[in-house]
Amino acid sequence: MSWTSAELRDYAIYLGLRALPIDACSALGAMMGRGRLGRLIRPQAEARGRAAMALLRPDLAAPDRIEASTLRLWSNLGRIFCEFAVLPKILAAGRAVVSDPALLDRIYADQRPSIFCFVHTGNWEVIGAQMATHPRIYPGRPLAGIVMPPGSRAHARIAANQRAHMPVDLIPMDGKVWHRLAETLRQPSGVVWLAVDEIVDGVVMAPHFGRRLKPNGNMAKIVRLAAATGARVVPIYSERRGGANFVSHILPALDIPTGRLGPDGVLAQVARLDAIFGPIVRAHLDQWFWTVDLASSPDDPITG
């Protein structure tokens, strides 16, 4: 079946972006995010983002500070989409440094299985590529992550092109995905890469920001995976440091009790993860992908 005109257009745009220098590509994305391809056509998202910043960052309460933070947020959103086209260039140019390379080396040198869990800050594709291409991820070492299959054939081709250099098994989201991830972690030195801040039915599941801890979100699923397989949980996140430059933060690994934890035991471990990622997201609301989707509900309000 031939591609539609929209798919051909999107692929042509991708090829054009890929040909640009890194800074030009990223800057174009920032302009698009702030303009008629981003902020200006999403007034409800704009309002949610401003409300989230006012609630979670009272230090930004002054209107001019909220405005500046909102502009940075939409710039980051636009940059992320365009930077995907030049992802290999960003890595090759050394534009992403690891905060503690010795810690990452020690984590990978340990043969226990590991779950690297992250939030959508900075550019998570950059830190994902760094983790996947680390020298200790040798050919054949089990490495898996979840992917949402794109609806567009052009987008699927773009994603395949950009991730082809990474030795990772990208598992489509379906009813068996968590079973397959567990299988990866039960192999020697298995590594899994998972987000903790997914969105389900329009609700941003984590961090919780005073809401009830969720027993069915990715945080809880990560806890159950770790308890069932003996995997360590390694929190990580990406931070943008101006333009297309990043720091990939690696935090000390957490040991999760093994075995069947029960509902209260799972939520106790979810609280540990939430205590780590909540402050990270709060400090980087202008870089968090879900800031424009975060909303408080009357029955489970965000309390700050």
Protein backbone atom coordinates (compact mmCIF):
# COMPACT_ATOMS: atom_id res chain seq x y z
CA MET A 1 0.00 0.00 0.00
CA SER A 2 1.41 3.39 -0.98
CA TRP A 3 1.91 6.14 1.55
CA THR A 4 -0.63 8.91 1.92
CA SER A 5 0.26 12.49 1.05
CA ALA A 6 0.44 13.32 4.78
CA GLU A 7 2.90 10.46 5.37
CA LEU A 8 5.05 11.56 2.43
CA ARG A 9 5.01 15.13 3.77
CA ASP A 10 6.06 14.03 7.26
CA TYR A 11 8.90 11.90 5.92
CA ALA A 12 10.12 14.75 3.72
CA ILE A 13 10.13 17.07 6.74
CA TYR A 14 12.15 14.48 8.67
CA LEU A 15 14.72 14.23 5.87
CA GLY A 16 15.01 18.01 5.81
CA LEU A 17 15.50 18.21 9.57
CA ARG A 18 18.07 15.42 9.50
CA ALA A 19 20.16 17.42 7.03
CA LEU A 20 20.31 20.47 9.31
CA PRO A 21 23.12 21.24 11.78
CA ILE A 22 22.19 20.32 15.35
CA ASP A 23 21.74 23.88 16.63
CA ALA A 24 19.67 24.96 13.64
CA CYS A 25 17.40 21.92 13.95
CA SER A 26 16.89 22.42 17.68
CA ALA A 27 16.29 26.17 17.31
CA LEU A 28 13.73 25.56 14.59
CA GLY A 29 11.93 23.21 16.96
CA ALA A 30 11.91 25.85 19.69
CA MET A 31 10.38 28.38 17.30
CA MET A 32 7.72 25.87 16.21
CA GLY A 33 6.87 24.99 19.79
CA ARG A 34 6.32 28.64 20.73
CA GLY A 35 4.37 29.40 17.56
CA ARG A 36 1.49 28.21 15.44
CA LEU A 37 2.55 24.57 15.47
CA GLY A 38 2.56 24.40 19.28
CA ARG A 39 1.60 26.90 21.92
CA LEU A 40 -0.66 29.13 19.82
CA ILE A 41 -2.95 26.29 18.72
CA ARG A 42 -3.25 24.61 22.13
CA PRO A 43 -4.80 27.16 24.48
CA GLN A 44 -6.16 24.53 26.88
CA ALA A 45 -2.74 22.91 27.19
CA GLU A 46 -1.24 26.35 27.72
CA ALA A 47 -3.70 27.00 30.55
CA ARG A 48 -2.96 23.63 32.19
CA GLY A 49 0.78 24.27 32.00
CA ARG A 50 0.46 27.67 33.63
CA ALA A 51 -1.80 26.26 36.36
CA ALA A 52 0.66 23.45 37.07
CA MET A 53 3.55 25.88 37.39
CA ALA A 54 1.61 28.20 39.69
CA LEU A 55 0.58 25.27 41.93
CA LEU A 56 3.85 23.34 42.03
CA ARG A 57 6.31 26.24 41.82
CA PRO A 58 5.03 29.06 44.04
CA ASP A 59 8.42 30.72 43.55
CA LEU A 60 7.26 31.41 39.97
CA ALA A 61 4.05 33.13 41.09
CA ALA A 62 4.91 36.48 39.49
CA PRO A 63 3.27 36.74 36.03
CA ASP A 64 6.53 37.55 34.24
CA ARG A 65 8.23 34.49 35.73
CA ILE A 66 5.32 32.21 34.77
CA GLU A 67 5.45 33.64 31.24
CA ALA A 68 9.19 33.04 30.92
CA SER A 69 8.87 29.49 32.26
CA THR A 70 5.96 28.78 29.90
CA LEU A 71 7.97 29.96 26.90
CA ARG A 72 10.84 27.67 27.92
CA LEU A 73 8.40 24.79 28.24
CA TRP A 74 6.94 25.19 24.75
CA SER A 75 10.42 25.70 23.33
CA ASN A 76 11.51 22.42 24.90
CA LEU A 77 8.48 20.58 23.53
CA GLY A 78 9.25 21.79 20.03
CA ARG A 79 12.95 21.04 20.34
CA ILE A 80 12.27 17.43 21.39
CA PHE A 81 10.35 16.61 18.22
CA CYS A 82 12.90 18.16 15.88
CA GLU A 83 15.94 16.81 17.73
CA PHE A 84 14.79 13.24 17.13
CA ALA A 85 15.89 13.70 13.52
CA VAL A 86 19.48 14.54 14.58
CA LEU A 87 19.73 12.23 17.60
CA PRO A 88 22.84 10.36 16.36
CA LYS A 89 24.55 13.71 15.68
CA ILE A 90 23.83 14.91 19.23
CA LEU A 91 25.51 11.83 20.68
CA ALA A 92 28.44 11.90 18.27
CA ALA A 93 29.07 15.57 19.06
CA GLY A 94 29.36 14.83 22.79
CA ARG A 95 26.43 17.11 23.61
CA ALA A 96 25.14 14.80 26.34
CA VAL A 97 27.36 14.14 29.34
CA VAL A 98 26.69 11.60 32.08
CA SER A 99 26.52 13.11 35.57
CA ASP A 100 28.35 10.21 37.21
CA PRO A 101 29.99 7.93 34.62
CA ALA A 102 31.75 5.90 37.31
CA LEU A 103 28.40 5.08 38.93
CA LEU A 104 26.96 3.99 35.58
CA ASP A 105 30.02 1.81 34.97
CA ARG A 106 29.56 0.13 38.36
CA ILE A 107 25.87 -0.49 37.74
CA TYR A 108 26.54 -2.10 34.39
CA ALA A 109 29.53 -4.07 35.70
CA ASP A 110 27.24 -5.70 38.28
CA GLN A 111 25.60 -8.69 36.61
CA ARG A 112 22.27 -8.36 38.42
CA PRO A 113 19.31 -7.34 36.26
CA SER A 114 18.44 -3.65 36.24
CA ILE A 115 15.39 -1.51 35.57
CA PHE A 116 16.34 1.98 34.41
CA CYS A 117 13.32 4.18 35.10
CA PHE A 118 12.96 7.75 33.90
CA VAL A 119 10.68 10.75 33.57
CA HIS A 120 10.07 12.68 30.35
CA THR A 121 12.33 15.66 31.06
CA GLY A 122 15.06 17.22 28.92
CA ASN A 123 15.28 14.87 25.96
CA TRP A 124 14.72 11.30 27.15
CA GLU A 125 15.60 9.89 23.71
CA VAL A 126 19.14 11.20 24.25
CA ILE A 127 19.60 9.52 27.61
CA GLY A 128 17.99 6.34 26.29
CA ALA A 129 20.48 6.20 23.43
CA GLN A 130 23.33 6.77 25.88
CA MET A 131 22.23 3.91 28.11
CA ALA A 132 21.74 1.59 25.14
CA THR A 133 25.11 2.32 23.52
CA HIS A 134 27.22 2.18 26.69
CA PRO A 135 30.35 0.03 26.13
CA ARG A 136 29.13 -2.55 28.65
CA ILE A 137 25.96 -3.18 26.64
CA TYR A 138 27.67 -5.74 24.49
CA PRO A 139 26.02 -7.50 21.53
CA GLY A 140 23.63 -10.09 22.89
CA ARG A 141 23.13 -8.51 26.31
CA PRO A 142 19.35 -8.45 26.91
CA LEU A 143 18.04 -4.88 26.72
CA ALA A 144 14.36 -4.06 26.26
CA GLY A 145 11.94 -1.16 26.42
CA ILE A 146 8.33 -0.39 25.61
CA VAL A 147 7.28 1.42 22.45
CA MET A 148 3.89 2.67 21.32
CA PRO A 149 3.62 1.67 17.63
CA PRO A 150 3.10 4.84 15.56
CA GLY A 151 -0.15 5.02 13.62
CA SER A 152 1.62 6.56 10.62
CA ARG A 153 3.87 4.44 8.42
CA ALA A 154 6.13 7.44 7.94
CA HIS A 155 6.48 7.89 11.69
CA ALA A 156 7.19 4.17 12.08
CA ARG A 157 9.94 4.40 9.43
CA ILE A 158 11.41 7.49 11.11
CA ALA A 159 11.46 5.79 14.51
CA ALA A 160 13.05 2.67 13.05
CA ASN A 161 15.73 4.73 11.28
CA GLN A 162 16.69 6.70 14.35
CA ARG A 163 16.74 3.75 16.74
CA ALA A 164 18.44 1.29 14.41
CA HIS A 165 21.86 1.96 15.96
CA MET A 166 20.65 0.98 19.44
CA PRO A 167 20.89 -2.71 20.47
CA VAL A 168 17.48 -2.71 22.16
CA ASP A 169 14.41 -4.90 21.83
CA LEU A 170 11.52 -2.43 21.53
CA ILE A 171 8.40 -4.27 22.67
CA PRO A 172 5.04 -2.96 21.41
CA MET A 173 2.55 -2.10 24.13
CA ASP A 174 0.05 -4.96 24.39
CA GLY A 175 -1.37 -7.36 26.95
CA LYS A 176 1.83 -9.42 27.10
CA VAL A 177 4.37 -6.61 27.37
CA TRP A 178 4.97 -6.90 31.14
CA HIS A 179 5.42 -10.67 30.85
CA ARG A 180 8.01 -10.15 28.12
CA LEU A 181 9.84 -7.54 30.20
CA ALA A 182 9.97 -9.98 33.10
CA GLU A 183 11.48 -12.56 30.76
CA THR A 184 14.21 -10.07 29.81
CA LEU A 185 15.01 -9.41 33.48
CA ARG A 186 15.24 -13.12 34.25
CA GLN A 187 18.05 -13.48 31.72
CA PRO A 188 21.65 -12.92 32.88
CA SER A 189 22.41 -9.19 33.07
CA GLY A 190 18.99 -8.26 31.68
CA VAL A 191 18.21 -4.54 31.43
CA VAL A 192 14.82 -2.89 30.98
CA TRP A 193 14.11 0.77 30.24
CA LEU A 194 10.77 2.16 31.51
CA ALA A 195 9.05 5.52 32.05
CA VAL A 196 7.40 6.16 35.41
CA ASP A 197 5.24 9.09 34.22
CA GLU A 198 2.88 7.62 31.65
CA ILE A 199 -0.52 9.12 30.81
CA VAL A 200 -3.65 6.91 30.89
CA ASP A 201 -7.09 8.09 29.78
CA GLY A 202 -5.92 11.68 29.97
CA VAL A 203 -4.51 11.32 33.50
CA VAL A 204 -0.79 11.82 34.18
CA MET A 205 -0.12 8.89 36.51
CA ALA A 206 3.07 10.09 38.23
CA PRO A 207 4.58 11.86 40.02
CA HIS A 208 1.59 12.04 42.35
CA PHE A 209 2.06 15.53 43.86
CA GLY A 210 -0.18 14.81 46.85
CA ARG A 211 -2.66 12.62 44.98
CA ARG A 212 -3.41 9.08 46.11
CA LEU A 213 -0.63 6.66 45.24
CA LYS A 214 -1.68 4.59 42.24
CA PRO A 215 -1.47 0.78 42.53
CA ASN A 216 -1.83 0.31 38.76
CA GLY A 217 0.58 2.85 37.27
CA ASN A 218 4.02 2.23 35.86
CA MET A 219 5.65 2.95 39.23
CA ALA A 220 3.74 0.05 40.78
CA LYS A 221 4.45 -2.18 37.77
CA ILE A 222 8.16 -1.42 38.07
CA VAL A 223 8.04 -2.33 41.76
CA ARG A 224 6.32 -5.64 40.99
CA LEU A 225 8.80 -6.42 38.20
CA ALA A 226 11.72 -5.76 40.52
CA ALA A 227 10.18 -7.82 43.34
CA ALA A 228 9.53 -10.74 40.99
CA THR A 229 12.93 -10.78 39.28
CA GLY A 230 15.36 -9.37 41.85
CA ALA A 231 16.21 -6.46 39.58
CA ARG A 232 17.62 -3.22 40.95
CA VAL A 233 15.77 -0.02 40.11
CA VAL A 234 17.98 2.79 38.77
CA PRO A 235 16.38 6.26 38.59
CA ILE A 236 17.65 8.42 35.74
CA TYR A 237 16.59 11.65 34.02
CA SER A 238 17.71 14.01 31.29
CA GLU A 239 18.25 17.73 31.87
CA ARG A 240 18.56 20.26 29.08
CA ARG A 241 21.40 22.70 29.67
CA GLY A 242 20.70 25.30 26.99
CA GLY A 243 19.98 24.53 23.33
CA ALA A 244 20.74 20.96 22.32
CA ASN A 245 23.03 20.20 25.28
CA PHE A 246 22.17 17.75 28.02
CA VAL A 247 23.22 16.19 31.29
CA SER A 248 22.12 12.60 31.84
CA HIS A 249 21.66 12.15 35.57
CA ILE A 250 22.26 8.67 37.00
CA LEU A 251 21.07 8.17 40.59
CA PRO A 252 22.01 5.38 43.01
CA ALA A 253 20.17 2.10 42.50
CA LEU A 254 17.32 1.06 44.78
CA ASP A 255 16.91 -2.47 46.07
CA ILE A 256 13.27 -3.56 46.15
CA PRO A 257 12.23 -6.39 48.51
CA THR A 258 11.74 -9.58 46.56
CA GLY A 259 8.72 -11.85 46.56
CA ARG A 260 5.02 -11.07 46.74
CA LEU A 261 4.77 -7.69 48.44
CA GLY A 262 1.02 -7.31 48.77
CA PRO A 263 -0.88 -4.06 48.09
CA ASP A 264 0.55 -2.12 51.05
CA GLY A 265 4.08 -3.29 50.32
CA VAL A 266 3.82 -2.23 46.67
CA LEU A 267 2.54 1.23 47.61
CA ALA A 268 5.35 1.63 50.15
CA GLN A 269 7.88 1.14 47.34
CA VAL A 270 5.89 3.38 45.00
CA ALA A 271 6.21 6.09 47.66
CA ARG A 272 10.00 5.66 47.56
CA LEU A 273 10.08 6.20 43.80
CA ASP A 274 7.64 9.08 44.01
CA ALA A 275 9.83 10.80 46.61
CA ILE A 276 12.73 10.67 44.14
CA PHE A 277 10.97 11.75 40.95
CA GLY A 278 8.52 14.28 42.40
CA PRO A 279 11.21 16.85 43.28
CA ILE A 280 13.01 16.22 39.97
CA VAL A 281 9.92 17.00 37.93
CA ARG A 282 8.97 19.95 40.13
CA ALA A 283 12.41 21.49 39.56
CA HIS A 284 12.15 20.93 35.78
CA LEU A 285 8.51 21.74 35.02
CA ASP A 286 9.68 23.84 32.07
CA GLN A 287 11.30 20.70 30.62
CA TRP A 288 8.66 18.08 31.49
CA PHE A 289 6.68 16.70 28.57
CA TRP A 290 3.51 16.25 30.65
CA THR A 291 3.34 19.71 32.27
CA VAL A 292 0.72 20.77 29.72
CA ASP A 293 -1.36 17.65 30.50
CA LEU A 294 -1.19 17.68 34.30
CA ALA A 295 -4.55 18.56 35.84
CA SER A 296 -6.08 18.37 39.29
CA SER A 297 -9.40 16.57 39.81
CA PRO A 298 -11.95 17.25 42.58
CA ASP A 299 -11.88 13.68 43.89
CA ASP A 300 -8.07 13.39 43.89
CA PRO A 301 -6.58 16.91 43.89
CA ILE A 302 -2.98 17.91 43.41
CA THR A 303 -1.95 19.52 46.68
CA GLY A 304 1.48 20.74 45.75
